[in-house]
N, C-alpha and C. Protein backbone atom coordinates (compact mmCIF):
# COMPACT_ATOMS: atom_id res chain seq x y z
N MET A 1 -30.16 10.95 3.15
CA MET A 1 -30.16 11.94 2.05
C MET A 1 -31.71 12.54 2.24
N ARG A 2 -31.73 13.71 2.04
CA ARG A 2 -33.17 14.29 1.84
C ARG A 2 -33.83 14.01 0.57
N LYS A 3 -35.14 13.55 0.57
CA LYS A 3 -35.75 13.56 -0.92
C LYS A 3 -37.24 13.57 -0.61
N THR A 4 -37.93 13.83 -1.75
CA THR A 4 -39.13 14.10 -1.61
C THR A 4 -40.13 12.86 -1.66
N HIS A 5 -40.72 12.76 -0.71
CA HIS A 5 -41.71 11.24 -0.37
C HIS A 5 -43.10 11.56 -0.66
N ASN A 6 -43.72 10.47 -1.41
CA ASN A 6 -45.28 10.32 -1.35
C ASN A 6 -45.73 9.65 -0.18
N LYS A 7 -46.58 10.60 0.56
CA LYS A 7 -47.33 10.08 1.85
C LYS A 7 -48.21 9.05 1.34
N ILE A 8 -48.82 9.33 0.31
CA ILE A 8 -49.79 7.74 0.11
C ILE A 8 -49.22 6.56 -0.28
N ALA A 9 -47.72 6.86 -0.86
CA ALA A 9 -46.76 5.69 -1.05
C ALA A 9 -46.31 5.00 0.32
N LEU A 10 -46.02 5.75 1.11
CA LEU A 10 -45.47 5.49 2.26
C LEU A 10 -46.49 4.65 3.19
N ALA A 11 -47.84 5.58 3.02
CA ALA A 11 -48.71 4.98 3.80
C ALA A 11 -49.25 3.49 3.54
N GLY A 12 -48.77 3.14 2.12
CA GLY A 12 -49.28 1.70 1.57
C GLY A 12 -48.21 0.97 2.16
N GLU A 13 -46.96 1.29 1.98
CA GLU A 13 -46.07 0.19 2.83
C GLU A 13 -45.86 0.42 4.08
N LEU A 14 -46.62 1.30 4.88
CA LEU A 14 -46.51 1.14 6.42
C LEU A 14 -47.78 0.07 6.60
N LEU A 15 -48.63 0.14 5.69
CA LEU A 15 -49.98 -1.00 5.87
C LEU A 15 -49.44 -1.96 5.46
N VAL A 16 -48.15 -2.19 4.60
CA VAL A 16 -47.72 -3.96 4.19
C VAL A 16 -47.25 -4.21 5.88
N GLU A 17 -46.57 -3.18 6.44
CA GLU A 17 -45.73 -3.40 7.80
C GLU A 17 -46.79 -3.46 8.91
N ALA A 18 -47.75 -3.11 9.10
CA ALA A 18 -48.66 -3.25 9.88
C ALA A 18 -49.20 -4.87 9.64
N ALA A 19 -49.59 -5.31 8.60
CA ALA A 19 -50.30 -6.65 8.63
C ALA A 19 -49.21 -7.47 8.58
N ASN A 20 -47.71 -7.42 8.07
CA ASN A 20 -46.79 -8.19 8.59
C ASN A 20 -46.36 -8.30 10.01
N GLU A 21 -46.42 -7.46 10.66
CA GLU A 21 -46.39 -7.17 12.19
C GLU A 21 -47.64 -8.14 12.76
N PHE A 22 -48.59 -7.88 12.30
CA PHE A 22 -49.96 -8.71 12.73
C PHE A 22 -49.59 -10.41 12.78
N TRP A 23 -49.25 -10.55 11.52
CA TRP A 23 -49.11 -11.77 11.36
C TRP A 23 -47.60 -12.69 12.07
N GLN A 24 -46.65 -11.64 12.02
CA GLN A 24 -45.70 -12.50 12.89
C GLN A 24 -45.62 -12.13 14.36
N ALA A 25 -46.68 -11.35 14.74
CA ALA A 25 -46.59 -11.40 16.27
C ALA A 25 -46.35 -12.19 16.91
N LYS A 26 -45.28 -12.14 18.17
CA LYS A 26 -45.57 -13.31 19.42
C LYS A 26 -46.12 -12.93 20.73
N SER A 27 -46.22 -11.69 20.86
CA SER A 27 -46.70 -11.01 21.88
C SER A 27 -47.39 -9.63 21.56
N ASP A 28 -48.13 -9.01 22.38
CA ASP A 28 -48.58 -7.85 22.65
C ASP A 28 -48.02 -6.91 22.02
N VAL A 29 -46.53 -6.66 22.09
CA VAL A 29 -46.00 -5.77 21.58
C VAL A 29 -46.05 -5.83 19.95
N GLY A 30 -45.95 -6.86 19.47
CA GLY A 30 -46.32 -6.89 17.84
C GLY A 30 -47.60 -6.43 17.33
N TYR A 31 -48.42 -6.54 18.13
CA TYR A 31 -49.60 -6.16 18.03
C TYR A 31 -49.79 -4.80 18.18
N ALA A 32 -49.32 -4.20 19.24
CA ALA A 32 -49.37 -3.04 19.44
C ALA A 32 -48.58 -2.01 18.48
N LYS A 33 -47.35 -2.56 17.72
CA LYS A 33 -46.42 -2.10 16.41
C LYS A 33 -47.67 -2.30 15.48
N SER A 34 -48.54 -3.00 15.13
CA SER A 34 -49.47 -3.22 13.92
C SER A 34 -50.47 -2.03 14.17
N ILE A 35 -50.88 -1.99 15.46
CA ILE A 35 -51.86 -0.79 15.68
C ILE A 35 -51.35 0.70 15.23
N LEU A 36 -50.12 0.79 15.86
CA LEU A 36 -49.70 2.20 15.50
C LEU A 36 -49.29 2.62 14.29
N LEU A 37 -48.88 1.41 13.29
CA LEU A 37 -48.80 1.70 11.91
C LEU A 37 -49.89 1.61 10.94
N ALA A 38 -51.12 0.87 11.63
CA ALA A 38 -52.21 0.91 11.08
C ALA A 38 -53.07 2.40 11.25
N GLY A 39 -53.16 2.86 12.36
CA GLY A 39 -53.15 4.00 12.98
C GLY A 39 -52.47 5.19 12.06
N ALA A 40 -51.76 5.08 11.75
CA ALA A 40 -50.51 6.04 11.09
C ALA A 40 -51.29 6.06 9.65
N VAL A 41 -51.80 5.10 9.13
CA VAL A 41 -52.16 5.04 7.82
C VAL A 41 -53.72 5.55 7.47
N SER A 42 -54.41 5.13 8.74
CA SER A 42 -55.59 6.21 8.57
C SER A 42 -55.55 7.33 8.84
N LEU A 43 -54.68 8.07 9.63
CA LEU A 43 -54.60 9.42 9.85
C LEU A 43 -53.85 9.99 8.85
N ILE A 44 -53.34 9.41 7.75
CA ILE A 44 -53.13 9.67 6.47
C ILE A 44 -53.92 9.88 5.56
N THR A 45 -54.69 8.47 5.45
CA THR A 45 -55.84 8.38 4.47
C THR A 45 -57.31 9.29 4.46
N THR A 46 -57.58 9.42 5.95
CA THR A 46 -58.71 10.00 6.24
C THR A 46 -58.98 11.33 5.72
N PRO A 47 -57.97 12.49 6.11
CA PRO A 47 -58.39 13.63 5.53
C PRO A 47 -58.15 14.16 4.00
N TYR A 48 -57.48 13.01 3.35
CA TYR A 48 -57.63 12.86 1.77
C TYR A 48 -59.18 12.52 1.37
N LEU A 49 -59.24 11.51 2.27
CA LEU A 49 -61.16 10.79 1.52
C LEU A 49 -61.93 11.94 1.91
N ARG A 50 -61.79 12.54 3.15
CA ARG A 50 -62.93 13.71 3.63
C ARG A 50 -62.99 14.47 2.52
N GLU A 51 -61.55 15.28 2.04
CA GLU A 51 -61.65 16.28 0.86
C GLU A 51 -62.17 15.59 -0.30
N LEU A 52 -62.33 14.58 -0.63
CA LEU A 52 -63.13 13.86 -1.82
C LEU A 52 -64.26 13.65 -1.65
N GLY A 53 -64.80 13.98 -0.27
CA GLY A 53 -66.40 13.48 0.20
C GLY A 53 -66.89 12.10 0.13
N ILE A 54 -65.68 11.57 0.78
CA ILE A 54 -65.76 9.83 0.77
C ILE A 54 -65.25 9.65 2.28
N ASP A 55 -66.32 9.00 2.91
CA ASP A 55 -66.29 8.68 4.54
C ASP A 55 -65.33 7.42 4.80
N SER A 56 -64.39 7.68 5.89
CA SER A 56 -63.55 6.59 6.04
C SER A 56 -64.53 5.77 6.70
N MET A 57 -63.89 4.67 6.96
CA MET A 57 -64.44 3.06 7.36
C MET A 57 -65.01 3.63 8.97
N HIS A 58 -64.14 4.29 9.38
CA HIS A 58 -64.50 4.88 10.79
C HIS A 58 -65.75 5.66 10.88
N GLU A 59 -65.73 6.74 10.30
CA GLU A 59 -66.87 7.81 9.97
C GLU A 59 -68.14 7.08 9.31
N SER A 60 -67.97 5.82 8.65
CA SER A 60 -69.27 5.37 7.89
C SER A 60 -69.73 4.64 9.25
N LEU A 61 -69.14 3.78 10.09
CA LEU A 61 -69.46 2.95 10.93
C LEU A 61 -69.91 4.06 12.18
N ALA A 62 -69.37 4.94 12.31
CA ALA A 62 -69.89 6.12 13.40
C ALA A 62 -71.09 6.75 13.19
N LYS A 63 -71.43 6.97 11.79
CA LYS A 63 -72.87 7.55 11.22
C LYS A 63 -73.55 6.46 11.48
N ALA A 64 -73.40 5.21 11.00
CA ALA A 64 -74.38 3.92 11.37
C ALA A 64 -74.82 3.79 12.72
N ALA A 65 -73.74 4.12 13.52
CA ALA A 65 -73.93 3.79 15.27
C ALA A 65 -74.75 5.07 15.60
N VAL A 66 -74.76 6.50 15.09
CA VAL A 66 -75.74 7.14 15.70
C VAL A 66 -76.78 7.21 15.17
N GLN A 67 -77.37 6.31 13.85
CA GLN A 67 -78.59 6.23 13.30
C GLN A 67 -79.40 5.28 13.76
N MET A 68 -78.56 3.96 13.96
CA MET A 68 -79.00 2.97 14.94
C MET A 68 -79.42 3.21 16.18
N ASP A 69 -78.97 4.25 17.01
CA ASP A 69 -79.31 4.72 18.21
C ASP A 69 -80.69 5.27 18.09
N GLY A 70 -81.33 5.66 16.94
CA GLY A 70 -82.68 6.30 16.72
C GLY A 70 -82.65 7.59 16.36
N THR A 71 -81.38 8.29 15.87
CA THR A 71 -81.12 9.53 15.60
C THR A 71 -81.43 9.84 14.26
N ASP A 72 -82.28 10.85 13.70
CA ASP A 72 -82.37 11.08 12.29
C ASP A 72 -81.12 12.30 12.11
N ILE A 73 -79.92 11.53 11.42
CA ILE A 73 -78.90 12.47 11.35
C ILE A 73 -79.13 13.62 10.27
N SER A 74 -80.29 13.43 9.41
CA SER A 74 -80.74 14.51 8.55
C SER A 74 -81.26 16.17 9.39
N GLN A 75 -81.46 15.66 10.64
CA GLN A 75 -82.00 16.43 11.32
C GLN A 75 -80.93 17.26 12.53
N LEU A 76 -79.43 17.03 12.53
CA LEU A 76 -78.80 17.25 13.20
C LEU A 76 -77.94 18.67 12.47
N THR A 77 -77.67 19.46 13.23
CA THR A 77 -76.86 20.55 12.73
C THR A 77 -75.62 19.85 12.36
N GLN A 78 -74.50 20.28 11.53
CA GLN A 78 -73.30 20.13 10.85
C GLN A 78 -72.19 19.84 12.54
N LYS A 79 -72.51 20.94 13.58
CA LYS A 79 -71.81 20.52 14.65
C LYS A 79 -72.14 19.47 15.30
N GLU A 80 -73.42 19.39 15.66
CA GLU A 80 -73.86 17.81 16.44
C GLU A 80 -73.78 17.09 15.60
N LEU A 81 -73.48 16.53 14.16
CA LEU A 81 -73.37 15.70 13.72
C LEU A 81 -71.78 15.38 13.68
N LYS A 82 -71.19 16.33 13.72
CA LYS A 82 -69.57 16.11 13.73
C LYS A 82 -69.16 15.98 15.26
N ASP A 83 -69.81 16.33 16.23
CA ASP A 83 -69.86 15.66 17.39
C ASP A 83 -69.74 14.24 17.56
N ALA A 84 -71.01 13.89 17.06
CA ALA A 84 -71.37 12.67 17.14
C ALA A 84 -70.53 11.32 16.84
N VAL A 85 -70.32 12.07 15.21
CA VAL A 85 -69.34 11.09 14.97
C VAL A 85 -67.90 10.97 15.00
N GLY A 86 -67.67 12.21 15.58
CA GLY A 86 -66.24 12.37 16.45
C GLY A 86 -66.29 11.46 17.63
N ARG A 87 -67.10 11.41 18.36
CA ARG A 87 -67.51 10.33 19.38
C ARG A 87 -67.06 8.68 18.93
N GLY A 88 -67.85 8.47 18.07
CA GLY A 88 -67.80 7.12 17.28
C GLY A 88 -66.42 7.07 16.91
N ILE A 89 -65.63 7.78 16.27
CA ILE A 89 -64.42 7.68 15.68
C ILE A 89 -63.42 7.42 16.78
N GLY A 90 -63.54 8.35 18.17
CA GLY A 90 -62.94 8.28 19.21
C GLY A 90 -62.74 6.84 19.57
N TYR A 91 -63.99 6.16 19.56
CA TYR A 91 -64.32 5.12 20.43
C TYR A 91 -63.34 3.59 19.27
N PHE A 92 -63.68 3.95 18.02
CA PHE A 92 -63.03 3.26 17.14
C PHE A 92 -61.32 3.48 17.45
N ARG A 93 -60.96 4.43 17.85
CA ARG A 93 -59.34 4.71 17.86
C ARG A 93 -59.10 4.72 19.25
N PHE A 94 -59.72 4.43 20.26
CA PHE A 94 -59.34 4.19 21.33
C PHE A 94 -58.20 3.72 21.86
N THR A 95 -58.07 2.00 21.44
CA THR A 95 -56.62 1.53 21.65
C THR A 95 -55.61 2.45 21.05
N TYR A 96 -55.51 2.80 19.51
CA TYR A 96 -54.63 3.37 18.93
C TYR A 96 -53.79 4.59 19.65
N ASN A 97 -54.97 5.53 19.90
CA ASN A 97 -54.71 6.59 20.70
C ASN A 97 -54.32 6.38 22.34
N SER A 98 -54.78 5.43 22.44
CA SER A 98 -54.02 5.21 24.44
C SER A 98 -52.77 4.66 24.09
N LEU A 99 -52.27 3.91 22.87
CA LEU A 99 -50.82 3.61 22.35
C LEU A 99 -49.88 4.78 22.17
N LYS A 100 -50.47 5.86 21.48
CA LYS A 100 -49.52 7.09 21.19
C LYS A 100 -49.32 7.78 21.85
N HIS A 101 -50.10 7.89 23.13
CA HIS A 101 -49.70 9.05 24.05
C HIS A 101 -50.45 8.78 25.87
N LEU A 102 -49.80 9.72 26.44
CA LEU A 102 -50.32 9.51 27.69
C LEU A 102 -51.01 11.10 28.18
N GLY A 103 -52.38 11.04 28.65
CA GLY A 103 -53.44 11.87 29.17
C GLY A 103 -53.95 12.34 27.59
N ASP A 104 -54.58 13.60 27.75
CA ASP A 104 -55.34 14.05 27.01
C ASP A 104 -54.98 15.30 26.13
N VAL A 105 -55.13 15.56 25.25
CA VAL A 105 -54.53 16.76 24.24
C VAL A 105 -55.58 18.11 25.14
N ARG A 106 -56.75 17.79 25.59
CA ARG A 106 -57.31 18.97 26.29
C ARG A 106 -56.80 19.16 27.86
N GLY A 107 -56.06 18.50 28.17
CA GLY A 107 -55.34 18.84 29.74
C GLY A 107 -55.99 17.96 30.74
N THR A 108 -57.57 17.28 30.56
CA THR A 108 -58.17 16.92 31.26
C THR A 108 -57.95 15.62 32.00
N ILE A 109 -57.02 14.73 31.57
CA ILE A 109 -56.62 13.90 31.97
C ILE A 109 -55.06 13.94 32.29
N LYS A 110 -54.43 13.43 33.24
CA LYS A 110 -53.07 13.65 33.46
C LYS A 110 -52.34 12.47 33.10
N PRO A 111 -50.98 12.78 32.60
CA PRO A 111 -50.70 11.49 31.92
C PRO A 111 -50.36 10.61 32.86
N SER A 112 -50.16 10.90 34.34
CA SER A 112 -49.89 9.85 35.46
C SER A 112 -51.18 8.96 35.74
N ASP A 113 -52.54 9.53 35.35
CA ASP A 113 -53.66 9.16 35.52
C ASP A 113 -54.03 8.10 34.35
N ASP A 114 -53.23 8.17 33.15
CA ASP A 114 -53.63 7.36 31.92
C ASP A 114 -52.56 6.78 31.49
N LEU A 115 -51.89 5.71 32.71
CA LEU A 115 -50.77 4.58 32.38
C LEU A 115 -51.14 3.49 31.95
N ASN A 116 -52.47 3.16 32.23
CA ASN A 116 -52.99 1.74 31.90
C ASN A 116 -54.62 1.90 30.90
N PHE A 117 -54.65 0.89 30.07
CA PHE A 117 -55.81 0.80 29.49
C PHE A 117 -56.20 -0.93 29.19
N THR A 118 -57.34 -0.95 28.86
CA THR A 118 -57.66 -2.48 28.81
C THR A 118 -58.35 -2.72 27.14
N ALA A 119 -57.93 -3.69 26.76
CA ALA A 119 -57.67 -4.13 25.28
C ALA A 119 -57.12 -5.38 24.79
N ASP A 120 -57.87 -5.94 23.79
CA ASP A 120 -57.45 -7.10 23.17
C ASP A 120 -56.75 -6.54 22.13
N LEU A 121 -55.37 -6.45 22.07
CA LEU A 121 -54.41 -5.88 21.16
C LEU A 121 -54.62 -6.52 19.81
N ARG A 122 -54.67 -7.90 19.90
CA ARG A 122 -55.00 -8.72 18.70
C ARG A 122 -55.96 -8.16 17.93
N GLU A 123 -57.08 -8.33 18.44
CA GLU A 123 -58.48 -8.11 17.91
C GLU A 123 -58.67 -6.56 17.40
N GLU A 124 -57.82 -5.64 18.35
CA GLU A 124 -57.88 -4.11 17.82
C GLU A 124 -57.00 -3.99 16.54
N ALA A 125 -55.97 -4.66 16.83
CA ALA A 125 -54.88 -4.54 15.36
C ALA A 125 -55.87 -4.85 14.38
N ASP A 126 -56.23 -6.33 14.19
CA ASP A 126 -57.18 -6.78 13.29
C ASP A 126 -58.34 -5.93 12.69
N TRP A 127 -58.89 -5.18 13.53
CA TRP A 127 -59.91 -4.08 13.13
C TRP A 127 -59.38 -2.72 12.80
N LEU A 128 -58.34 -2.52 13.29
CA LEU A 128 -57.54 -1.50 12.71
C LEU A 128 -57.10 -1.30 11.45
N ILE A 129 -56.35 -2.77 10.97
CA ILE A 129 -55.54 -3.04 9.71
C ILE A 129 -56.84 -2.99 8.75
N ASP A 130 -57.97 -3.87 8.88
CA ASP A 130 -58.94 -3.77 8.33
C ASP A 130 -59.84 -2.45 7.75
N ALA A 131 -59.80 -1.44 8.70
CA ALA A 131 -60.03 -0.07 8.36
C ALA A 131 -59.25 0.61 7.41
N ALA A 132 -58.12 0.53 7.87
CA ALA A 132 -56.71 1.10 6.80
C ALA A 132 -57.13 0.38 5.58
N ILE A 133 -57.00 -0.67 5.23
CA ILE A 133 -56.98 -1.13 4.05
C ILE A 133 -58.60 -0.84 3.35
N SER A 134 -59.54 -0.51 3.98
CA SER A 134 -60.34 -0.25 3.26
C SER A 134 -60.64 1.29 3.03
N ASP A 135 -59.86 1.86 3.81
CA ASP A 135 -59.67 3.48 3.64
C ASP A 135 -58.57 3.58 2.50
N PHE A 136 -57.65 2.80 2.55
CA PHE A 136 -56.32 2.93 1.42
C PHE A 136 -57.32 2.49 0.09
N SER A 137 -57.74 1.50 -0.06
CA SER A 137 -58.65 1.12 -1.56
C SER A 137 -59.52 2.11 -1.66
N ARG A 138 -60.02 2.99 -0.98
CA ARG A 138 -60.81 3.85 -1.28
C ARG A 138 -60.40 5.11 -2.05
N LEU A 139 -59.08 5.26 -1.75
CA LEU A 139 -58.44 6.49 -2.55
C LEU A 139 -58.28 6.36 -4.01
N PRO A 140 -57.94 7.40 -4.54
CA PRO A 140 -57.63 6.95 -6.05
C PRO A 140 -56.45 6.84 -6.40
N HIS A 141 -56.10 6.03 -7.20
CA HIS A 141 -54.63 5.86 -7.36
C HIS A 141 -54.31 5.64 -8.78
N GLU A 142 -53.64 6.90 -9.66
CA GLU A 142 -53.18 6.74 -10.54
C GLU A 142 -52.43 5.74 -11.18
N GLN A 143 -52.84 4.73 -12.62
CA GLN A 143 -52.30 3.83 -12.72
C GLN A 143 -50.97 3.73 -12.89
N ILE A 144 -50.37 5.13 -13.19
CA ILE A 144 -48.83 4.93 -13.27
C ILE A 144 -48.06 4.68 -11.91
N ILE A 145 -48.70 4.90 -10.85
CA ILE A 145 -48.26 5.18 -9.54
C ILE A 145 -48.66 3.73 -9.18
N ILE A 146 -49.77 3.26 -9.48
CA ILE A 146 -50.14 1.68 -8.97
C ILE A 146 -48.61 0.93 -9.29
N ASN A 147 -48.29 0.87 -10.79
CA ASN A 147 -47.65 0.59 -11.46
C ASN A 147 -45.96 0.76 -11.24
N SER A 148 -45.97 1.67 -10.51
CA SER A 148 -44.12 2.05 -10.60
C SER A 148 -43.90 2.13 -8.70
N VAL A 149 -44.80 2.40 -8.27
CA VAL A 149 -44.58 2.91 -6.77
C VAL A 149 -45.13 1.82 -5.84
N PHE A 150 -46.35 1.16 -6.01
CA PHE A 150 -46.89 0.28 -4.99
C PHE A 150 -46.30 -0.93 -5.36
N SER A 151 -45.51 -1.75 -4.15
CA SER A 151 -45.06 -2.98 -4.29
C SER A 151 -46.09 -4.06 -4.42
N GLU A 152 -45.37 -5.11 -4.75
CA GLU A 152 -46.14 -6.29 -4.98
C GLU A 152 -47.17 -6.96 -3.83
N GLU A 153 -46.20 -6.58 -2.64
CA GLU A 153 -46.96 -6.71 -1.43
C GLU A 153 -47.90 -6.35 -1.19
N LEU A 154 -48.21 -4.83 -1.28
CA LEU A 154 -49.06 -3.69 -0.98
C LEU A 154 -50.03 -4.18 -1.80
N LEU A 155 -49.89 -4.65 -3.28
CA LEU A 155 -51.11 -4.73 -4.23
C LEU A 155 -51.71 -6.20 -3.87
N THR A 156 -50.90 -7.10 -3.38
CA THR A 156 -51.55 -8.22 -2.64
C THR A 156 -52.57 -8.07 -1.65
N LEU A 157 -51.88 -7.36 -0.68
CA LEU A 157 -52.86 -6.96 0.24
C LEU A 157 -54.21 -6.50 -0.05
N LEU A 158 -53.67 -5.35 -1.01
CA LEU A 158 -55.23 -4.74 -1.46
C LEU A 158 -56.29 -5.62 -2.14
N GLN A 159 -55.89 -6.49 -3.02
CA GLN A 159 -56.72 -7.64 -3.40
C GLN A 159 -57.03 -8.71 -2.68
N SER A 160 -56.35 -8.97 -1.36
CA SER A 160 -56.85 -10.41 -0.94
C SER A 160 -57.55 -9.72 0.36
N PRO A 161 -58.53 -10.54 0.67
CA PRO A 161 -59.79 -10.45 1.72
C PRO A 161 -59.01 -10.52 3.30
N TRP A 162 -59.13 -9.45 3.80
CA TRP A 162 -58.35 -9.15 5.15
C TRP A 162 -59.60 -9.81 6.25
N ASN A 163 -59.18 -11.49 6.63
CA ASN A 163 -60.15 -12.14 7.20
C ASN A 163 -59.67 -12.77 8.27
N PHE A 164 -59.25 -12.22 9.07
CA PHE A 164 -58.56 -12.53 10.62
C PHE A 164 -60.09 -12.48 11.20
N SER A 165 -60.43 -13.51 11.88
CA SER A 165 -61.39 -14.04 12.48
C SER A 165 -61.31 -14.67 13.89
N PRO A 166 -61.75 -13.98 14.88
CA PRO A 166 -61.24 -14.39 16.48
C PRO A 166 -61.96 -15.43 17.03
N LEU A 167 -63.04 -15.67 16.44
CA LEU A 167 -63.64 -17.08 16.36
C LEU A 167 -62.78 -18.27 15.86
N GLU A 168 -62.58 -18.08 14.53
CA GLU A 168 -61.62 -19.25 13.88
C GLU A 168 -60.41 -19.44 14.83
N ASP A 169 -59.71 -18.25 15.23
CA ASP A 169 -58.57 -18.04 16.30
C ASP A 169 -58.87 -18.96 17.29
N MET A 170 -59.85 -18.73 18.14
CA MET A 170 -59.96 -19.18 19.35
C MET A 170 -60.46 -20.91 18.79
N GLU A 171 -61.08 -21.34 17.80
CA GLU A 171 -61.59 -22.50 17.31
C GLU A 171 -59.69 -23.35 17.13
N ARG A 172 -59.00 -22.89 16.32
CA ARG A 172 -57.53 -23.75 16.10
C ARG A 172 -57.03 -23.51 17.49
N ALA A 173 -57.30 -22.72 18.64
CA ALA A 173 -56.61 -23.01 19.69
C ALA A 173 -57.28 -24.13 20.41
N ASP A 174 -58.44 -24.57 20.21
CA ASP A 174 -58.97 -25.58 21.24
C ASP A 174 -58.29 -26.90 20.31
N ASP A 175 -58.05 -26.79 19.27
CA ASP A 175 -57.56 -28.26 18.29
C ASP A 175 -56.34 -28.51 18.81
N CYS A 176 -55.67 -27.52 19.51
CA CYS A 176 -54.26 -27.74 19.92
C CYS A 176 -54.14 -28.80 21.20
């Protein structure tokens, strides 16, 4: 049955599913699903954050990387800044984009030349979920929506630290 859906509410539940997939993953496929879900959340939240004048986590990190490179971003034109930040965001979303499609939108890479990529899917899922939680938390949420639409699982996820650590995971594996 067709009905009207609130994209932010759906994004919240996709975020819960991304976290659940991550914790229950038994193989790279589970982490890939987690990456795709968390990436979808980011693509829903980022334009809204931008409209509100709030940087997404990836935008903040990309701007910081440009500055750490010694660039005074106040001296860049809007186009130069947008291009530099866009390259940074592309870096942070490389694995997500690699999973999402073959080739590139400009047609410079043929699908048949884009069949493989190298990544630690568990680590990438962790980072992307962390960014999605951060971005979702930055959105303004009316109390009535929080009380009536957001699940307990989502509220718990948003109020809890996302603290997966690859180092801790390696230490646990060494103990076995």
